[in-house]
Amino acid sequence: MTYFSGTFDHKIDTNWRLSVPSEMRKELEGRTNLKMLVSPTGDCLLVFEPEEYEKWVTGLFGHGDTNGLSAYSSKESAQLKVLNSRVRSAEIDASGRIGVAEEFRKIFPDKEATFVGDGKHMEIWQTKNWYNFYDMISLEDL
């Protein structure tokens, strides 16, 4: 079972590729086909295995598999459509790199990125924004 954890800082190369951390590649067990999208809040990229993306979307909207849109309100149907339109396929190449699609590049103005393991998916943050977020969170109440 795939479970991503850890934090890894990386530089984006001149061709807008990032090396996926080896610890995360090991979790993928050779699977290279992924789904990538900007988070709903716009602060990072979310990277999923295709089946985990489907589970996430189902959980996000709080409905089981309806095999169609009949269980969704018109607002949810529109949100789902927009969310799915933002998804891009992403392949890990033979060198362990993943490309950053052109529409996602504005998240990384300085070409510094941080991979964050978040259980069933990876997140890719602009490094500065990740550490600002990290510093705001307290674990004292756990």
C-alpha atoms as a PDB file:
ATOM      1  CA  MET A   1       0.000   0.000   0.000  1.00  0.00           C
ATOM      2  CA  THR A   2       1.374   3.403  -1.030  1.00  0.00           C
ATOM      3  CA  TYR A   3       1.882   5.943   1.743  1.00  0.00           C
ATOM      4  CA  PHE A   4       3.907   9.082   1.062  1.00  0.00           C
ATOM      5  CA  SER A   5       5.724  10.869   3.878  1.00  0.00           C
ATOM      6  CA  GLY A   6       8.657  13.201   4.338  1.00  0.00           C
ATOM      7  CA  THR A   7       9.786  16.578   3.030  1.00  0.00           C
ATOM      8  CA  PHE A   8      12.328  16.957   0.224  1.00  0.00           C
ATOM      9  CA  ASP A   9      13.647  20.215  -1.260  1.00  0.00           C
ATOM     10  CA  HIS A  10      14.512  20.246  -4.969  1.00  0.00           C
ATOM     11  CA  LYS A  11      15.362  22.666  -7.770  1.00  0.00           C
ATOM     12  CA  ILE A  12      13.392  22.686 -11.005  1.00  0.00           C
ATOM     13  CA  ASP A  13      15.722  22.304 -13.986  1.00  0.00           C
ATOM     14  CA  THR A  14      15.798  24.508 -17.095  1.00  0.00           C
ATOM     15  CA  ASN A  15      13.321  22.170 -18.841  1.00  0.00           C
ATOM     16  CA  TRP A  16      10.831  22.431 -15.938  1.00  0.00           C
ATOM     17  CA  ARG A  17      11.515  18.953 -14.590  1.00  0.00           C
ATOM     18  CA  LEU A  18      11.823  17.874 -10.965  1.00  0.00           C
ATOM     19  CA  SER A  19      13.555  14.812  -9.604  1.00  0.00           C
ATOM     20  CA  VAL A  20      11.023  12.808  -7.627  1.00  0.00           C
ATOM     21  CA  PRO A  21      12.651  11.884  -4.294  1.00  0.00           C
ATOM     22  CA  SER A  22      13.862   8.282  -4.269  1.00  0.00           C
ATOM     23  CA  GLU A  23      11.820   7.542  -1.123  1.00  0.00           C
ATOM     24  CA  MET A  24       8.664   8.535  -2.991  1.00  0.00           C
ATOM     25  CA  ARG A  25       9.628   6.625  -6.141  1.00  0.00           C
ATOM     26  CA  LYS A  26      10.080   3.519  -3.978  1.00  0.00           C
ATOM     27  CA  GLU A  27       6.522   3.923  -2.681  1.00  0.00           C
ATOM     28  CA  LEU A  28       5.287   3.939  -6.269  1.00  0.00           C
ATOM     29  CA  GLU A  29       6.919   0.527  -6.857  1.00  0.00           C
ATOM     30  CA  GLY A  30       7.711   1.246 -10.488  1.00  0.00           C
ATOM     31  CA  ARG A  31       4.405   2.901 -11.377  1.00  0.00           C
ATOM     32  CA  THR A  32       5.136   6.015 -13.423  1.00  0.00           C
ATOM     33  CA  ASN A  33       1.699   7.255 -14.584  1.00  0.00           C
ATOM     34  CA  LEU A  34       0.397   9.959 -12.245  1.00  0.00           C
ATOM     35  CA  LYS A  35      -2.274  12.669 -12.106  1.00  0.00           C
ATOM     36  CA  MET A  36      -1.283  16.248 -11.250  1.00  0.00           C
ATOM     37  CA  LEU A  37      -3.392  19.315 -10.491  1.00  0.00           C
ATOM     38  CA  VAL A  38      -3.272  22.576  -8.587  1.00  0.00           C
ATOM     39  CA  SER A  39      -4.823  22.171  -5.136  1.00  0.00           C
ATOM     40  CA  PRO A  40      -8.292  23.705  -4.721  1.00  0.00           C
ATOM     41  CA  THR A  41      -6.692  26.407  -2.542  1.00  0.00           C
ATOM     42  CA  GLY A  42      -4.052  27.116  -5.203  1.00  0.00           C
ATOM     43  CA  ASP A  43      -1.043  26.824  -2.916  1.00  0.00           C
ATOM     44  CA  CYS A  44       0.592  23.657  -4.265  1.00  0.00           C
ATOM     45  CA  LEU A  45       0.390  20.838  -6.793  1.00  0.00           C
ATOM     46  CA  LEU A  46      -1.291  17.587  -5.820  1.00  0.00           C
ATOM     47  CA  VAL A  47       0.139  14.411  -7.344  1.00  0.00           C
ATOM     48  CA  PHE A  48      -1.844  11.163  -7.232  1.00  0.00           C
ATOM     49  CA  GLU A  49      -1.782   7.697  -8.648  1.00  0.00           C
ATOM     50  CA  PRO A  50      -4.869   7.566 -10.935  1.00  0.00           C
ATOM     51  CA  GLU A  51      -6.934   5.309  -8.668  1.00  0.00           C
ATOM     52  CA  GLU A  52      -6.121   7.435  -5.606  1.00  0.00           C
ATOM     53  CA  TYR A  53      -7.197  10.563  -7.471  1.00  0.00           C
ATOM     54  CA  GLU A  54     -10.602   8.967  -8.122  1.00  0.00           C
ATOM     55  CA  LYS A  55     -10.947   8.040  -4.434  1.00  0.00           C
ATOM     56  CA  TRP A  56      -9.965  11.572  -3.384  1.00  0.00           C
ATOM     57  CA  VAL A  57     -12.558  13.147  -5.665  1.00  0.00           C
ATOM     58  CA  THR A  58     -15.258  10.789  -4.395  1.00  0.00           C
ATOM     59  CA  GLY A  59     -14.340  11.669  -0.805  1.00  0.00           C
ATOM     60  CA  LEU A  60     -14.167  15.368  -1.581  1.00  0.00           C
ATOM     61  CA  PHE A  61     -17.747  15.421  -2.787  1.00  0.00           C
ATOM     62  CA  GLY A  62     -18.985  13.009  -0.106  1.00  0.00           C
ATOM     63  CA  HIS A  63     -20.714  10.619  -2.481  1.00  0.00           C
ATOM     64  CA  GLY A  64     -20.036   7.005  -3.226  1.00  0.00           C
ATOM     65  CA  ASP A  65     -19.489   5.829  -6.769  1.00  0.00           C
ATOM     66  CA  THR A  66     -22.702   6.847  -8.505  1.00  0.00           C
ATOM     67  CA  ASN A  67     -21.548   5.766 -11.962  1.00  0.00           C
ATOM     68  CA  GLY A  68     -22.736   9.148 -13.191  1.00  0.00           C
ATOM     69  CA  LEU A  69     -23.691  12.539 -11.874  1.00  0.00           C
ATOM     70  CA  SER A  70     -27.224  11.870 -10.677  1.00  0.00           C
ATOM     71  CA  ALA A  71     -26.265  12.150  -6.976  1.00  0.00           C
ATOM     72  CA  TYR A  72     -24.541  15.512  -7.434  1.00  0.00           C
ATOM     73  CA  SER A  73     -26.185  18.905  -7.184  1.00  0.00           C
ATOM     74  CA  SER A  74     -25.739  21.231 -10.156  1.00  0.00           C
ATOM     75  CA  LYS A  75     -23.130  23.179  -8.139  1.00  0.00           C
ATOM     76  CA  GLU A  76     -21.195  19.989  -7.324  1.00  0.00           C
ATOM     77  CA  SER A  77     -21.452  18.850 -10.917  1.00  0.00           C
ATOM     78  CA  ALA A  78     -19.947  22.153 -12.091  1.00  0.00           C
ATOM     79  CA  GLN A  79     -17.193  22.005  -9.436  1.00  0.00           C
ATOM     80  CA  LEU A  80     -16.353  18.430 -10.398  1.00  0.00           C
ATOM     81  CA  LYS A  81     -16.167  19.386 -14.061  1.00  0.00           C
ATOM     82  CA  VAL A  82     -13.804  22.291 -13.358  1.00  0.00           C
ATOM     83  CA  LEU A  83     -11.686  20.210 -10.980  1.00  0.00           C
ATOM     84  CA  ASN A  84     -11.303  17.394 -13.522  1.00  0.00           C
ATOM     85  CA  SER A  85     -10.499  19.886 -16.289  1.00  0.00           C
ATOM     86  CA  ARG A  86      -7.442  20.987 -14.293  1.00  0.00           C
ATOM     87  CA  VAL A  87      -5.919  17.509 -14.068  1.00  0.00           C
ATOM     88  CA  ARG A  88      -2.909  16.670 -16.210  1.00  0.00           C
ATOM     89  CA  SER A  89      -1.239  13.331 -16.738  1.00  0.00           C
ATOM     90  CA  ALA A  90       2.326  13.279 -15.501  1.00  0.00           C
ATOM     91  CA  GLU A  91       4.896  10.595 -16.217  1.00  0.00           C
ATOM     92  CA  ILE A  92       8.032   9.876 -14.240  1.00  0.00           C
ATOM     93  CA  ASP A  93      10.787   9.489 -16.832  1.00  0.00           C
ATOM     94  CA  ALA A  94      13.613   6.937 -16.819  1.00  0.00           C
ATOM     95  CA  SER A  95      15.759   9.389 -14.819  1.00  0.00           C
ATOM     96  CA  GLY A  96      13.117   9.714 -12.080  1.00  0.00           C
ATOM     97  CA  ARG A  97      11.963  13.185 -13.101  1.00  0.00           C
ATOM     98  CA  ILE A  98       8.486  14.605 -13.496  1.00  0.00           C
ATOM     99  CA  GLY A  99       7.656  17.545 -15.746  1.00  0.00           C
ATOM    100  CA  VAL A 100       5.813  20.635 -14.539  1.00  0.00           C
ATOM    101  CA  ALA A 101       3.099  21.518 -17.077  1.00  0.00           C
ATOM    102  CA  GLU A 102       3.161  25.093 -18.354  1.00  0.00           C
ATOM    103  CA  GLU A 103      -0.090  26.054 -16.618  1.00  0.00           C
ATOM    104  CA  PHE A 104       1.388  24.989 -13.244  1.00  0.00           C
ATOM    105  CA  ARG A 105       4.667  26.893 -13.494  1.00  0.00           C
ATOM    106  CA  LYS A 106       3.399  30.132 -11.924  1.00  0.00           C
ATOM    107  CA  ILE A 107       3.431  28.345  -8.549  1.00  0.00           C
ATOM    108  CA  PHE A 108       7.249  28.167  -8.765  1.00  0.00           C
ATOM    109  CA  PRO A 109       8.550  31.640  -9.710  1.00  0.00           C
ATOM    110  CA  ASP A 110      11.989  30.894  -8.226  1.00  0.00           C
ATOM    111  CA  LYS A 111      12.121  27.285  -9.511  1.00  0.00           C
ATOM    112  CA  GLU A 112      12.512  25.966  -5.967  1.00  0.00           C
ATOM    113  CA  ALA A 113      10.142  23.187  -4.985  1.00  0.00           C
ATOM    114  CA  THR A 114       9.488  21.017  -1.967  1.00  0.00           C
ATOM    115  CA  PHE A 115       7.907  17.574  -2.172  1.00  0.00           C
ATOM    116  CA  VAL A 116       5.702  16.822   0.808  1.00  0.00           C
ATOM    117  CA  GLY A 117       4.312  13.369   1.502  1.00  0.00           C
ATOM    118  CA  ASP A 118       0.668  13.556   2.528  1.00  0.00           C
ATOM    119  CA  GLY A 119      -0.398   9.951   2.871  1.00  0.00           C
ATOM    120  CA  LYS A 120      -2.064   8.802  -0.332  1.00  0.00           C
ATOM    121  CA  HIS A 121      -0.650  11.634  -2.433  1.00  0.00           C
ATOM    122  CA  MET A 122       2.363  13.882  -2.844  1.00  0.00           C
ATOM    123  CA  GLU A 123       2.270  17.660  -2.781  1.00  0.00           C
ATOM    124  CA  ILE A 124       4.746  19.946  -4.516  1.00  0.00           C
ATOM    125  CA  TRP A 125       5.031  23.401  -2.937  1.00  0.00           C
ATOM    126  CA  GLN A 126       7.090  26.458  -3.699  1.00  0.00           C
ATOM    127  CA  THR A 127       9.767  25.935  -1.040  1.00  0.00           C
ATOM    128  CA  LYS A 128       9.296  29.310   0.643  1.00  0.00           C
ATOM    129  CA  ASN A 129       5.515  28.832   0.870  1.00  0.00           C
ATOM    130  CA  TRP A 130       5.874  25.329   2.337  1.00  0.00           C
ATOM    131  CA  TYR A 131       8.113  26.498   5.163  1.00  0.00           C
ATOM    132  CA  ASN A 132       5.829  29.463   5.885  1.00  0.00           C
ATOM    133  CA  PHE A 133       2.887  27.024   6.148  1.00  0.00           C
ATOM    134  CA  TYR A 134       4.949  24.569   8.203  1.00  0.00           C
ATOM    135  CA  ASP A 135       5.947  27.254  10.710  1.00  0.00           C
ATOM    136  CA  MET A 136       2.295  28.244  11.266  1.00  0.00           C
ATOM    137  CA  ILE A 137       1.161  24.740  12.282  1.00  0.00           C
ATOM    138  CA  SER A 138       1.401  23.494  15.847  1.00  0.00           C
ATOM    139  CA  LEU A 139       1.294  19.802  16.743  1.00  0.00           C
ATOM    140  CA  GLU A 140       0.910  20.456  20.464  1.00  0.00           C
ATOM    141  CA  ASP A 141      -2.792  19.542  20.522  1.00  0.00           C
ATOM    142  CA  LEU A 142      -2.351  16.073  19.028  1.00  0.00           C
END
